[in-house]
Amino acid sequence: MADGQQREITDRQWADATLIWGYHQMGHERRPCDVAIGLGCHDLGVAAETASLYLEGLVRTIVFTGGPNPSRPDRFPRGEAAHFTEYAISLGVPAHAIHPEPRARNTGQNIRFSREVLEAADIEVRSVLLVSMPYMERRGYATCREVWPEVEVVCTSTPMNLNDYVKTIGDDKLVIDSLVGDLQRVIEYPRRGFAVAQDVPEPVRDAYQRLLADGFDSKSLS
């Protein structure tokens, strides 16, 4: 089925997607950390959530990381870090608290380059609040544990269920494709040295295989 073509989602497919959505959530309790790192993406909700962590007093330093989005370069043409920084400032975060990182093109680079920015600023980091889209929490965690194992990682995202997230995106197939694609990366990336291994329960693997077989694969690895 061509990308963007609408299709009816069956009850079973929706149940499988909901199961995978829940698996991607790490369930970490928010707490004060040395820095918040907002992972660049097409979703300004990440910038808003990161800003709220600062405004709530949970962090004193923010890094926004990401260049132009490789799949949607028109979304933030000056780069994710630049647009996220401007948006956070508009929400009340002072500019001096934000360290933009404009080079990263993938999650591993997000973490590695953010670490370099913080080291260059002579900021000691023992704990990180890692802010992502809701379905990227687990992959972000696994990547950070591989790339920066010395720090404690607390994952968070905008609190919402799958129904509400689909409404914000406006394309249910695209969202399910993204859930499936991220789970594939959780499974495959440890073999490539990109992330630490995560346990994937059998019901989650079964749901993943069914959705792949049903054609929810536009975000899958080639």
N, C-alpha and C. Protein backbone atom coordinates (compact mmCIF):
# COMPACT_ATOMS: atom_id res chain seq x y z
N MET A 1 0.85 -1.20 0.00
CA MET A 1 0.00 0.00 0.00
C MET A 1 0.88 1.25 0.00
N ALA A 2 0.58 2.21 -0.83
CA ALA A 2 1.41 3.40 -0.96
C ALA A 2 1.38 4.22 0.31
N ASP A 3 2.52 4.90 0.61
CA ASP A 3 2.59 5.77 1.77
C ASP A 3 1.52 6.85 1.67
N GLY A 4 0.88 7.16 2.80
CA GLY A 4 -0.13 8.20 2.83
C GLY A 4 -1.51 7.73 2.47
N GLN A 5 -1.65 6.54 1.87
CA GLN A 5 -2.96 6.02 1.52
C GLN A 5 -3.66 5.56 2.79
N GLN A 6 -4.87 6.02 2.99
CA GLN A 6 -5.60 5.69 4.20
C GLN A 6 -6.14 4.27 4.13
N ARG A 7 -6.17 3.60 5.26
CA ARG A 7 -6.72 2.27 5.33
C ARG A 7 -7.43 2.12 6.65
N GLU A 8 -8.39 1.24 6.68
CA GLU A 8 -9.11 0.98 7.92
C GLU A 8 -8.27 0.07 8.81
N ILE A 9 -8.13 0.46 10.06
CA ILE A 9 -7.37 -0.33 11.03
C ILE A 9 -8.34 -1.26 11.74
N THR A 10 -8.05 -2.55 11.73
CA THR A 10 -8.94 -3.51 12.38
C THR A 10 -8.74 -3.48 13.89
N ASP A 11 -9.70 -4.06 14.60
CA ASP A 11 -9.59 -4.11 16.07
C ASP A 11 -8.33 -4.87 16.50
N ARG A 12 -8.02 -5.96 15.80
CA ARG A 12 -6.83 -6.73 16.16
C ARG A 12 -5.57 -5.94 15.92
N GLN A 13 -5.50 -5.23 14.80
CA GLN A 13 -4.33 -4.41 14.51
C GLN A 13 -4.17 -3.30 15.54
N TRP A 14 -5.28 -2.71 15.92
CA TRP A 14 -5.22 -1.64 16.93
C TRP A 14 -4.76 -2.19 18.28
N ALA A 15 -5.24 -3.38 18.63
CA ALA A 15 -4.81 -4.01 19.88
C ALA A 15 -3.32 -4.31 19.84
N ASP A 16 -2.81 -4.80 18.71
CA ASP A 16 -1.38 -5.06 18.57
C ASP A 16 -0.58 -3.77 18.70
N ALA A 17 -1.05 -2.72 18.05
CA ALA A 17 -0.35 -1.44 18.11
C ALA A 17 -0.34 -0.89 19.55
N THR A 18 -1.45 -1.06 20.25
CA THR A 18 -1.53 -0.57 21.63
C THR A 18 -0.55 -1.33 22.52
N LEU A 19 -0.41 -2.62 22.30
CA LEU A 19 0.54 -3.42 23.06
C LEU A 19 1.98 -2.94 22.82
N ILE A 20 2.31 -2.67 21.58
CA ILE A 20 3.65 -2.20 21.25
C ILE A 20 3.87 -0.79 21.80
N TRP A 21 2.86 0.04 21.72
CA TRP A 21 2.94 1.39 22.30
C TRP A 21 3.31 1.31 23.78
N GLY A 22 2.64 0.44 24.51
CA GLY A 22 2.94 0.29 25.92
C GLY A 22 4.34 -0.22 26.17
N TYR A 23 4.81 -1.11 25.32
CA TYR A 23 6.17 -1.64 25.48
C TYR A 23 7.22 -0.53 25.30
N HIS A 24 6.98 0.37 24.36
CA HIS A 24 7.94 1.44 24.11
C HIS A 24 8.07 2.40 25.29
N GLN A 25 7.06 2.47 26.15
CA GLN A 25 7.11 3.36 27.31
C GLN A 25 7.97 2.72 28.40
N MET A 26 8.95 3.44 28.90
CA MET A 26 9.85 2.90 29.92
C MET A 26 9.24 2.94 31.32
N GLY A 27 8.30 3.82 31.55
CA GLY A 27 7.67 3.89 32.87
C GLY A 27 8.56 4.48 33.95
N HIS A 28 9.56 5.26 33.56
CA HIS A 28 10.44 5.88 34.54
C HIS A 28 9.73 7.02 35.28
N GLU A 29 10.05 7.17 36.54
CA GLU A 29 9.51 8.28 37.32
C GLU A 29 10.40 9.50 37.13
N ARG A 30 9.79 10.60 36.78
CA ARG A 30 10.56 11.83 36.61
C ARG A 30 11.21 12.23 37.95
N ARG A 31 12.43 12.72 37.84
CA ARG A 31 13.12 13.21 39.04
C ARG A 31 14.18 14.20 38.60
N PRO A 32 14.71 15.01 39.50
CA PRO A 32 15.75 15.96 39.11
C PRO A 32 16.97 15.25 38.54
N CYS A 33 17.50 15.80 37.44
CA CYS A 33 18.71 15.28 36.80
C CYS A 33 19.61 16.45 36.44
N ASP A 34 20.84 16.14 36.06
CA ASP A 34 21.80 17.18 35.74
C ASP A 34 21.46 17.92 34.45
N VAL A 35 20.87 17.20 33.50
CA VAL A 35 20.58 17.81 32.20
C VAL A 35 19.39 17.09 31.58
N ALA A 36 18.64 17.84 30.76
CA ALA A 36 17.62 17.24 29.90
C ALA A 36 18.11 17.31 28.47
N ILE A 37 18.02 16.20 27.77
CA ILE A 37 18.38 16.16 26.35
C ILE A 37 17.11 15.91 25.55
N GLY A 38 16.73 16.87 24.74
CA GLY A 38 15.56 16.74 23.87
C GLY A 38 16.00 16.21 22.52
N LEU A 39 15.57 15.00 22.20
CA LEU A 39 15.98 14.35 20.95
C LEU A 39 15.22 14.94 19.77
N GLY A 40 15.96 15.40 18.79
CA GLY A 40 15.34 16.02 17.63
C GLY A 40 14.44 15.06 16.87
N CYS A 41 13.36 15.61 16.34
CA CYS A 41 12.36 14.83 15.60
C CYS A 41 11.42 15.83 14.93
N HIS A 42 10.33 15.32 14.35
CA HIS A 42 9.37 16.21 13.69
C HIS A 42 8.33 16.77 14.64
N ASP A 43 8.41 16.41 15.94
CA ASP A 43 7.34 16.69 16.90
C ASP A 43 7.78 17.76 17.89
N LEU A 44 7.18 18.96 17.80
CA LEU A 44 7.49 20.05 18.73
C LEU A 44 7.09 19.73 20.17
N GLY A 45 6.28 18.69 20.34
CA GLY A 45 5.93 18.27 21.69
C GLY A 45 7.15 17.89 22.51
N VAL A 46 8.21 17.43 21.86
CA VAL A 46 9.45 17.11 22.57
C VAL A 46 10.06 18.38 23.16
N ALA A 47 10.06 19.44 22.38
CA ALA A 47 10.59 20.71 22.88
C ALA A 47 9.74 21.24 24.03
N ALA A 48 8.42 21.12 23.90
CA ALA A 48 7.53 21.60 24.96
C ALA A 48 7.72 20.80 26.25
N GLU A 49 7.85 19.49 26.11
CA GLU A 49 8.04 18.65 27.29
C GLU A 49 9.38 18.93 27.96
N THR A 50 10.41 19.14 27.17
CA THR A 50 11.72 19.47 27.72
C THR A 50 11.67 20.81 28.44
N ALA A 51 11.00 21.77 27.84
CA ALA A 51 10.85 23.08 28.49
C ALA A 51 10.14 22.95 29.83
N SER A 52 9.12 22.11 29.87
CA SER A 52 8.36 21.95 31.12
C SER A 52 9.23 21.37 32.23
N LEU A 53 10.17 20.50 31.87
CA LEU A 53 11.08 19.94 32.87
C LEU A 53 11.92 21.04 33.50
N TYR A 54 12.39 21.97 32.66
CA TYR A 54 13.17 23.10 33.17
C TYR A 54 12.29 24.00 34.04
N LEU A 55 11.12 24.33 33.55
CA LEU A 55 10.24 25.25 34.27
C LEU A 55 9.74 24.66 35.58
N GLU A 56 9.68 23.33 35.66
CA GLU A 56 9.31 22.65 36.90
C GLU A 56 10.48 22.51 37.87
N GLY A 57 11.67 22.90 37.43
CA GLY A 57 12.84 22.84 38.28
C GLY A 57 13.53 21.50 38.34
N LEU A 58 13.23 20.60 37.39
CA LEU A 58 13.85 19.27 37.41
C LEU A 58 15.24 19.27 36.79
N VAL A 59 15.54 20.26 35.95
CA VAL A 59 16.87 20.40 35.36
C VAL A 59 17.22 21.88 35.29
N ARG A 60 18.52 22.13 35.20
CA ARG A 60 18.99 23.51 35.03
C ARG A 60 19.63 23.72 33.67
N THR A 61 19.84 22.63 32.96
CA THR A 61 20.51 22.69 31.66
C THR A 61 19.75 21.83 30.66
N ILE A 62 19.63 22.34 29.42
CA ILE A 62 18.96 21.62 28.34
C ILE A 62 19.91 21.53 27.15
N VAL A 63 19.91 20.38 26.50
CA VAL A 63 20.51 20.26 25.17
C VAL A 63 19.40 19.86 24.20
N PHE A 64 19.24 20.61 23.13
CA PHE A 64 18.39 20.19 22.02
C PHE A 64 19.32 19.75 20.90
N THR A 65 19.09 18.54 20.40
CA THR A 65 20.01 17.95 19.45
C THR A 65 19.31 17.52 18.17
N GLY A 66 19.90 17.89 17.03
CA GLY A 66 19.36 17.45 15.75
C GLY A 66 19.51 18.49 14.66
N GLY A 67 19.92 18.03 13.50
CA GLY A 67 19.95 18.89 12.32
C GLY A 67 18.63 18.79 11.57
N PRO A 68 18.61 19.09 10.28
CA PRO A 68 17.38 18.92 9.50
C PRO A 68 16.91 17.48 9.55
N ASN A 69 15.60 17.30 9.71
CA ASN A 69 15.05 15.95 9.80
C ASN A 69 15.25 15.24 8.46
N PRO A 70 15.93 14.06 8.47
CA PRO A 70 16.24 13.41 7.19
C PRO A 70 15.00 12.95 6.42
N SER A 71 13.91 12.63 7.13
CA SER A 71 12.72 12.16 6.43
C SER A 71 11.74 13.30 6.13
N ARG A 72 11.85 14.42 6.86
CA ARG A 72 10.96 15.57 6.62
C ARG A 72 11.77 16.86 6.71
N PRO A 73 12.68 17.11 5.77
CA PRO A 73 13.55 18.29 5.84
C PRO A 73 12.78 19.61 5.79
N ASP A 74 11.55 19.58 5.26
CA ASP A 74 10.75 20.79 5.19
C ASP A 74 10.15 21.17 6.53
N ARG A 75 10.13 20.25 7.47
CA ARG A 75 9.48 20.50 8.76
C ARG A 75 10.25 21.54 9.57
N PHE A 76 11.55 21.36 9.71
CA PHE A 76 12.39 22.31 10.43
C PHE A 76 13.62 22.60 9.56
N PRO A 77 13.48 23.48 8.59
CA PRO A 77 14.54 23.66 7.58
C PRO A 77 15.87 24.15 8.15
N ARG A 78 15.85 24.84 9.29
CA ARG A 78 17.09 25.29 9.91
C ARG A 78 17.62 24.29 10.93
N GLY A 79 16.99 23.14 10.99
CA GLY A 79 17.45 22.10 11.91
C GLY A 79 16.57 22.00 13.14
N GLU A 80 16.45 20.79 13.65
CA GLU A 80 15.60 20.54 14.80
C GLU A 80 16.08 21.30 16.03
N ALA A 81 17.37 21.30 16.28
CA ALA A 81 17.89 21.97 17.48
C ALA A 81 17.55 23.46 17.48
N ALA A 82 17.68 24.10 16.32
CA ALA A 82 17.40 25.54 16.24
C ALA A 82 15.93 25.82 16.51
N HIS A 83 15.04 25.08 15.87
CA HIS A 83 13.61 25.32 16.06
C HIS A 83 13.16 24.95 17.47
N PHE A 84 13.69 23.85 18.02
CA PHE A 84 13.33 23.46 19.39
C PHE A 84 13.80 24.52 20.38
N THR A 85 14.99 25.07 20.17
CA THR A 85 15.51 26.10 21.05
C THR A 85 14.61 27.32 21.04
N GLU A 86 14.24 27.77 19.86
CA GLU A 86 13.38 28.95 19.76
C GLU A 86 12.03 28.71 20.41
N TYR A 87 11.49 27.52 20.23
CA TYR A 87 10.19 27.22 20.81
C TYR A 87 10.27 27.18 22.33
N ALA A 88 11.32 26.58 22.88
CA ALA A 88 11.47 26.52 24.33
C ALA A 88 11.63 27.92 24.92
N ILE A 89 12.38 28.77 24.24
CA ILE A 89 12.53 30.16 24.71
C ILE A 89 11.18 30.87 24.72
N SER A 90 10.35 30.59 23.69
CA SER A 90 9.02 31.21 23.64
C SER A 90 8.13 30.74 24.78
N LEU A 91 8.45 29.58 25.35
CA LEU A 91 7.68 29.05 26.48
C LEU A 91 8.23 29.50 27.83
N GLY A 92 9.32 30.26 27.82
CA GLY A 92 9.83 30.83 29.06
C GLY A 92 11.17 30.32 29.53
N VAL A 93 11.81 29.43 28.77
CA VAL A 93 13.13 28.94 29.16
C VAL A 93 14.17 29.99 28.76
N PRO A 94 15.06 30.40 29.67
CA PRO A 94 16.08 31.39 29.29
C PRO A 94 17.09 30.80 28.32
N ALA A 95 17.54 31.63 27.39
CA ALA A 95 18.45 31.16 26.36
C ALA A 95 19.74 30.59 26.95
N HIS A 96 20.19 31.15 28.07
CA HIS A 96 21.48 30.71 28.63
C HIS A 96 21.41 29.27 29.14
N ALA A 97 20.20 28.75 29.36
CA ALA A 97 20.06 27.38 29.87
C ALA A 97 20.10 26.33 28.77
N ILE A 98 20.08 26.77 27.50
CA ILE A 98 19.96 25.84 26.37
C ILE A 98 21.27 25.78 25.60
N HIS A 99 21.68 24.55 25.30
CA HIS A 99 22.87 24.31 24.49
C HIS A 99 22.44 23.56 23.23
N PRO A 100 22.29 24.26 22.10
CA PRO A 100 21.89 23.56 20.88
C PRO A 100 23.01 22.69 20.32
N GLU A 101 22.62 21.55 19.77
CA GLU A 101 23.56 20.64 19.10
C GLU A 101 22.99 20.40 17.71
N PRO A 102 23.53 21.03 16.67
CA PRO A 102 22.87 21.05 15.36
C PRO A 102 23.36 20.03 14.34
N ARG A 103 24.23 19.09 14.74
CA ARG A 103 24.85 18.22 13.72
C ARG A 103 24.23 16.84 13.61
N ALA A 104 23.61 16.35 14.66
CA ALA A 104 23.20 14.94 14.72
C ALA A 104 22.17 14.61 13.64
N ARG A 105 22.30 13.40 13.10
CA ARG A 105 21.37 12.91 12.08
C ARG A 105 20.71 11.60 12.48
N ASN A 106 21.10 11.05 13.62
CA ASN A 106 20.46 9.83 14.11
C ASN A 106 20.57 9.81 15.64
N THR A 107 19.95 8.83 16.28
CA THR A 107 19.87 8.83 17.73
C THR A 107 21.22 8.63 18.38
N GLY A 108 22.06 7.78 17.81
CA GLY A 108 23.39 7.61 18.35
C GLY A 108 24.18 8.91 18.34
N GLN A 109 24.09 9.65 17.23
CA GLN A 109 24.76 10.95 17.15
C GLN A 109 24.12 11.94 18.12
N ASN A 110 22.80 11.88 18.29
CA ASN A 110 22.15 12.75 19.28
C ASN A 110 22.84 12.65 20.63
N ILE A 111 23.07 11.42 21.07
CA ILE A 111 23.66 11.20 22.38
C ILE A 111 25.14 11.58 22.38
N ARG A 112 25.87 11.10 21.40
CA ARG A 112 27.31 11.33 21.38
C ARG A 112 27.63 12.82 21.25
N PHE A 113 26.95 13.50 20.34
CA PHE A 113 27.24 14.92 20.14
C PHE A 113 26.76 15.76 21.31
N SER A 114 25.66 15.37 21.94
CA SER A 114 25.21 16.09 23.14
C SER A 114 26.25 15.98 24.25
N ARG A 115 26.80 14.80 24.41
CA ARG A 115 27.85 14.61 25.40
C ARG A 115 29.03 15.54 25.11
N GLU A 116 29.42 15.65 23.85
CA GLU A 116 30.53 16.52 23.48
C GLU A 116 30.22 17.98 23.79
N VAL A 117 28.99 18.41 23.51
CA VAL A 117 28.60 19.79 23.79
C VAL A 117 28.68 20.08 25.30
N LEU A 118 28.23 19.16 26.10
CA LEU A 118 28.24 19.35 27.55
C LEU A 118 29.67 19.33 28.09
N GLU A 119 30.51 18.45 27.56
CA GLU A 119 31.91 18.42 27.99
C GLU A 119 32.62 19.71 27.61
N ALA A 120 32.31 20.24 26.41
CA ALA A 120 32.93 21.49 25.98
C ALA A 120 32.51 22.66 26.87
N ALA A 121 31.29 22.59 27.40
CA ALA A 121 30.79 23.64 28.30
C ALA A 121 31.21 23.39 29.75
N ASP A 122 31.99 22.33 29.98
CA ASP A 122 32.49 21.98 31.32
C ASP A 122 31.34 21.75 32.30
N ILE A 123 30.31 21.05 31.80
CA ILE A 123 29.16 20.71 32.64
C ILE A 123 29.27 19.23 33.03
N GLU A 124 29.37 18.98 34.33
CA GLU A 124 29.47 17.60 34.80
C GLU A 124 28.10 16.94 34.76
N VAL A 125 28.04 15.76 34.20
CA VAL A 125 26.76 15.07 34.02
C VAL A 125 26.86 13.67 34.62
N ARG A 126 25.99 13.41 35.58
CA ARG A 126 25.87 12.07 36.15
C ARG A 126 24.52 11.45 35.83
N SER A 127 23.54 12.31 35.50
CA SER A 127 22.19 11.82 35.21
C SER A 127 21.57 12.66 34.11
N VAL A 128 20.77 11.99 33.26
CA VAL A 128 20.16 12.62 32.09
C VAL A 128 18.67 12.33 32.06
N LEU A 129 17.87 13.36 31.88
CA LEU A 129 16.46 13.19 31.52
C LEU A 129 16.40 13.20 30.00
N LEU A 130 16.10 12.06 29.43
CA LEU A 130 16.09 11.90 27.97
C LEU A 130 14.65 12.05 27.48
N VAL A 131 14.42 13.08 26.68
CA VAL A 131 13.07 13.42 26.24
C VAL A 131 12.92 13.07 24.76
N SER A 132 11.86 12.32 24.45
CA SER A 132 11.65 11.86 23.09
C SER A 132 10.17 11.83 22.77
N MET A 133 9.84 11.45 21.55
CA MET A 133 8.46 11.10 21.24
C MET A 133 8.09 9.87 22.07
N PRO A 134 6.80 9.70 22.39
CA PRO A 134 6.42 8.60 23.29
C PRO A 134 6.89 7.23 22.84
N TYR A 135 6.82 6.95 21.54
CA TYR A 135 7.19 5.60 21.08
C TYR A 135 8.70 5.44 20.89
N MET A 136 9.47 6.47 21.20
CA MET A 136 10.93 6.38 21.08
C MET A 136 11.63 6.23 22.42
N GLU A 137 10.88 6.15 23.51
CA GLU A 137 11.52 6.09 24.82
C GLU A 137 12.49 4.92 24.94
N ARG A 138 12.02 3.73 24.59
CA ARG A 138 12.85 2.55 24.81
C ARG A 138 14.10 2.56 23.90
N ARG A 139 13.93 2.94 22.66
CA ARG A 139 15.09 2.99 21.78
C ARG A 139 16.06 4.07 22.23
N GLY A 140 15.55 5.20 22.68
CA GLY A 140 16.42 6.24 23.20
C GLY A 140 17.21 5.75 24.41
N TYR A 141 16.52 5.04 25.30
CA TYR A 141 17.18 4.50 26.48
C TYR A 141 18.29 3.52 26.09
N ALA A 142 17.96 2.57 25.21
CA ALA A 142 18.92 1.55 24.81
C ALA A 142 20.12 2.17 24.11
N THR A 143 19.88 3.22 23.32
CA THR A 143 20.97 3.89 22.63
C THR A 143 21.87 4.63 23.61
N CYS A 144 21.27 5.34 24.55
CA CYS A 144 22.06 6.09 25.53
C CYS A 144 22.89 5.15 26.39
N ARG A 145 22.33 4.02 26.77
CA ARG A 145 23.09 3.07 27.59
C ARG A 145 24.30 2.51 26.83
N GLU A 146 24.19 2.42 25.52
CA GLU A 146 25.31 1.95 24.71
C GLU A 146 26.35 3.05 24.50
N VAL A 147 25.89 4.24 24.15
CA VAL A 147 26.79 5.32 23.75
C VAL A 147 27.39 6.05 24.96
N TRP A 148 26.62 6.17 26.03
CA TRP A 148 27.06 6.94 27.20
C TRP A 148 26.73 6.13 28.46
N PRO A 149 27.39 5.02 28.67
CA PRO A 149 27.02 4.11 29.75
C PRO A 149 27.30 4.64 31.16
N GLU A 150 28.09 5.70 31.25
CA GLU A 150 28.46 6.21 32.56
C GLU A 150 27.34 6.96 33.26
N VAL A 151 26.34 7.42 32.52
CA VAL A 151 25.30 8.25 33.13
C VAL A 151 24.05 7.42 33.44
N GLU A 152 23.31 7.89 34.42
CA GLU A 152 21.99 7.32 34.70
C GLU A 152 20.98 7.97 33.76
N VAL A 153 20.13 7.16 33.16
CA VAL A 153 19.19 7.65 32.15
C VAL A 153 17.77 7.53 32.68
N VAL A 154 17.05 8.64 32.67
CA VAL A 154 15.63 8.66 33.00
C VAL A 154 14.89 9.12 31.76
N CYS A 155 14.03 8.26 31.22
CA CYS A 155 13.31 8.57 29.98
C CYS A 155 11.95 9.17 30.27
N THR A 156 11.55 10.11 29.43
CA THR A 156 10.23 10.71 29.58
C THR A 156 9.76 11.22 28.22
N SER A 157 8.47 11.46 28.13
CA SER A 157 7.85 11.99 26.92
C SER A 157 6.53 12.63 27.33
N THR A 158 5.87 13.27 26.38
CA THR A 158 4.56 13.85 26.67
C THR A 158 3.59 12.75 27.06
N PRO A 159 2.99 12.82 28.25
CA PRO A 159 2.08 11.76 28.68
C PRO A 159 0.82 11.74 27.80
N MET A 160 0.61 10.65 27.10
CA MET A 160 -0.61 10.50 26.31
C MET A 160 -0.74 9.04 25.90
N ASN A 161 -1.99 8.65 25.60
CA ASN A 161 -2.20 7.29 25.12
C ASN A 161 -2.13 7.27 23.59
N LEU A 162 -2.21 6.07 23.02
CA LEU A 162 -2.06 5.93 21.58
C LEU A 162 -3.16 6.67 20.83
N ASN A 163 -4.39 6.60 21.32
CA ASN A 163 -5.48 7.31 20.66
C ASN A 163 -5.20 8.80 20.54
N ASP A 164 -4.75 9.39 21.64
CA ASP A 164 -4.48 10.83 21.63
C ASP A 164 -3.31 11.16 20.72
N TYR A 165 -2.30 10.29 20.70
CA TYR A 165 -1.15 10.57 19.86
C TYR A 165 -1.53 10.52 18.38
N VAL A 166 -2.33 9.54 18.00
CA VAL A 166 -2.78 9.45 16.61
C VAL A 166 -3.52 10.72 16.21
N LYS A 167 -4.31 11.28 17.13
CA LYS A 167 -5.03 12.52 16.82
C LYS A 167 -4.07 13.67 16.54
N THR A 168 -2.96 13.72 17.26
CA THR A 168 -2.00 14.81 17.04
C THR A 168 -1.29 14.66 15.70
N ILE A 169 -1.12 13.43 15.23
CA ILE A 169 -0.40 13.18 13.96
C ILE A 169 -1.36 13.20 12.78
N GLY A 170 -2.56 12.64 12.98
CA GLY A 170 -3.57 12.67 11.93
C GLY A 170 -3.46 11.56 10.90
N ASP A 171 -2.66 10.54 11.18
CA ASP A 171 -2.48 9.45 10.23
C ASP A 171 -2.22 8.18 11.03
N ASP A 172 -3.26 7.35 11.21
CA ASP A 172 -3.11 6.19 12.08
C ASP A 172 -2.14 5.16 11.50
N LYS A 173 -2.14 4.96 10.18
CA LYS A 173 -1.19 4.00 9.61
C LYS A 173 0.25 4.45 9.80
N LEU A 174 0.51 5.72 9.60
CA LEU A 174 1.86 6.24 9.79
C LEU A 174 2.34 6.01 11.22
N VAL A 175 1.46 6.23 12.18
CA VAL A 175 1.84 6.03 13.58
C VAL A 175 2.16 4.56 13.83
N ILE A 176 1.32 3.67 13.34
CA ILE A 176 1.58 2.24 13.55
C ILE A 176 2.86 1.81 12.83
N ASP A 177 3.07 2.32 11.62
CA ASP A 177 4.33 2.07 10.92
C ASP A 177 5.52 2.49 11.79
N SER A 178 5.40 3.63 12.46
CA SER A 178 6.49 4.15 13.29
C SER A 178 6.71 3.27 14.51
N LEU A 179 5.62 2.81 15.13
CA LEU A 179 5.74 1.90 16.27
C LEU A 179 6.48 0.62 15.86
N VAL A 180 6.10 0.08 14.72
CA VAL A 180 6.72 -1.15 14.22
C VAL A 180 8.19 -0.91 13.88
N GLY A 181 8.46 0.21 13.19
CA GLY A 181 9.84 0.51 12.82
C GLY A 181 10.74 0.70 14.02
N ASP A 182 10.25 1.36 15.06
CA ASP A 182 11.08 1.55 16.24
C ASP A 182 11.31 0.23 16.97
N LEU A 183 10.30 -0.63 17.00
CA LEU A 183 10.49 -1.93 17.65
C LEU A 183 11.51 -2.77 16.87
N GLN A 184 11.46 -2.70 15.55
CA GLN A 184 12.46 -3.40 14.76
C GLN A 184 13.87 -2.93 15.14
N ARG A 185 14.04 -1.64 15.35
CA ARG A 185 15.35 -1.12 15.72
C ARG A 185 15.75 -1.55 17.13
N VAL A 186 14.79 -1.61 18.04
CA VAL A 186 15.09 -2.12 19.38
C VAL A 186 15.63 -3.55 19.29
N ILE A 187 15.07 -4.33 18.38
CA ILE A 187 15.48 -5.73 18.22
C ILE A 187 16.81 -5.84 17.47
N GLU A 188 16.98 -5.07 16.40
CA GLU A 188 18.12 -5.25 15.50
C GLU A 188 19.37 -4.46 15.90
N TYR A 189 19.20 -3.29 16.49
CA TYR A 189 20.35 -2.42 16.70
C TYR A 189 21.40 -2.98 17.65
N PRO A 190 21.05 -3.75 18.67
CA PRO A 190 22.12 -4.33 19.49
C PRO A 190 23.09 -5.18 18.69
N ARG A 191 22.61 -5.89 17.67
CA ARG A 191 23.49 -6.71 16.84
C ARG A 191 24.45 -5.86 16.02
N ARG A 192 24.09 -4.61 15.80
CA ARG A 192 24.93 -3.71 15.01
C ARG A 192 25.80 -2.82 15.91
N GLY A 193 25.67 -2.99 17.21
CA GLY A 193 26.46 -2.20 18.14
C GLY A 193 25.93 -0.81 18.39
N PHE A 194 24.66 -0.56 18.01
CA PHE A 194 24.08 0.77 18.15
C PHE A 194 23.38 0.98 19.49
N ALA A 195 23.01 -0.10 20.19
CA ALA A 195 22.19 0.00 21.39
C ALA A 195 22.39 -1.25 22.24
N VAL A 196 22.07 -1.13 23.52
CA VAL A 196 22.10 -2.31 24.38
C VAL A 196 20.85 -3.14 24.12
N ALA A 197 20.92 -4.42 24.39
CA ALA A 197 19.79 -5.31 24.16
C ALA A 197 18.69 -5.06 25.18
N GLN A 198 17.47 -5.18 24.73
CA GLN A 198 16.29 -5.05 25.58
C GLN A 198 15.46 -6.34 25.47
N ASP A 199 14.92 -6.80 26.58
CA ASP A 199 14.03 -7.95 26.54
C ASP A 199 12.74 -7.56 25.83
N VAL A 200 12.34 -8.36 24.86
CA VAL A 200 11.08 -8.12 24.14
C VAL A 200 10.17 -9.30 24.43
N PRO A 201 9.12 -9.12 25.22
CA PRO A 201 8.23 -10.24 25.56
C PRO A 201 7.62 -10.87 24.31
N GLU A 202 7.34 -12.16 24.41
CA GLU A 202 6.81 -12.88 23.25
C GLU A 202 5.52 -12.27 22.71
N PRO A 203 4.56 -11.85 23.55
CA PRO A 203 3.35 -11.24 22.98
C PRO A 203 3.65 -9.98 22.16
N VAL A 204 4.67 -9.21 22.57
CA VAL A 204 5.04 -8.01 21.82
C VAL A 204 5.67 -8.41 20.48
N ARG A 205 6.53 -9.43 20.50
CA ARG A 205 7.12 -9.91 19.24
C ARG A 205 6.04 -10.44 18.29
N ASP A 206 5.06 -11.15 18.84
CA ASP A 206 3.99 -11.69 18.00
C ASP A 206 3.18 -10.56 17.37
N ALA A 207 2.88 -9.53 18.16
CA ALA A 207 2.14 -8.38 17.64
C ALA A 207 2.93 -7.69 16.53
N TYR A 208 4.22 -7.55 16.75
CA TYR A 208 5.12 -6.95 15.76
C TYR A 208 5.11 -7.74 14.45
N GLN A 209 5.21 -9.06 14.53
CA GLN A 209 5.22 -9.88 13.33
C GLN A 209 3.90 -9.79 12.58
N ARG A 210 2.79 -9.77 13.32
CA ARG A 210 1.49 -9.66 12.65
C ARG A 210 1.35 -8.33 11.91
N LEU A 211 1.78 -7.25 12.55
CA LEU A 211 1.66 -5.94 11.90
C LEU A 211 2.59 -5.82 10.70
N LEU A 212 3.78 -6.39 10.81
CA LEU A 212 4.66 -6.41 9.64
C LEU A 212 4.00 -7.17 8.48
N ALA A 213 3.43 -8.33 8.79
CA ALA A 213 2.78 -9.13 7.76
C ALA A 213 1.59 -8.41 7.14
N ASP A 214 0.98 -7.51 7.92
CA ASP A 214 -0.17 -6.74 7.43
C ASP A 214 0.25 -5.50 6.63
N GLY A 215 1.55 -5.28 6.51
CA GLY A 215 2.02 -4.19 5.66
C GLY A 215 2.31 -2.88 6.38
N PHE A 216 2.44 -2.91 7.70
CA PHE A 216 2.79 -1.69 8.43
C PHE A 216 4.31 -1.57 8.49
N ASP A 217 4.91 -1.25 7.36
CA ASP A 217 6.35 -1.39 7.23
C ASP A 217 7.05 -0.20 6.58
N SER A 218 6.38 0.92 6.44
CA SER A 218 7.01 2.03 5.72
C SER A 218 8.18 2.63 6.50
N LYS A 219 8.27 2.38 7.80
CA LYS A 219 9.38 2.90 8.60
C LYS A 219 10.37 1.80 8.98
N SER A 220 10.25 0.63 8.35
CA SER A 220 11.12 -0.48 8.68
C SER A 220 12.46 -0.34 8.00
N LEU A 221 13.46 -1.01 8.58
CA LEU A 221 14.79 -1.03 8.00
C LEU A 221 14.75 -1.77 6.68
N SER A 222 15.56 -1.34 5.72
CA SER A 222 15.59 -2.00 4.42
C SER A 222 16.42 -3.27 4.51
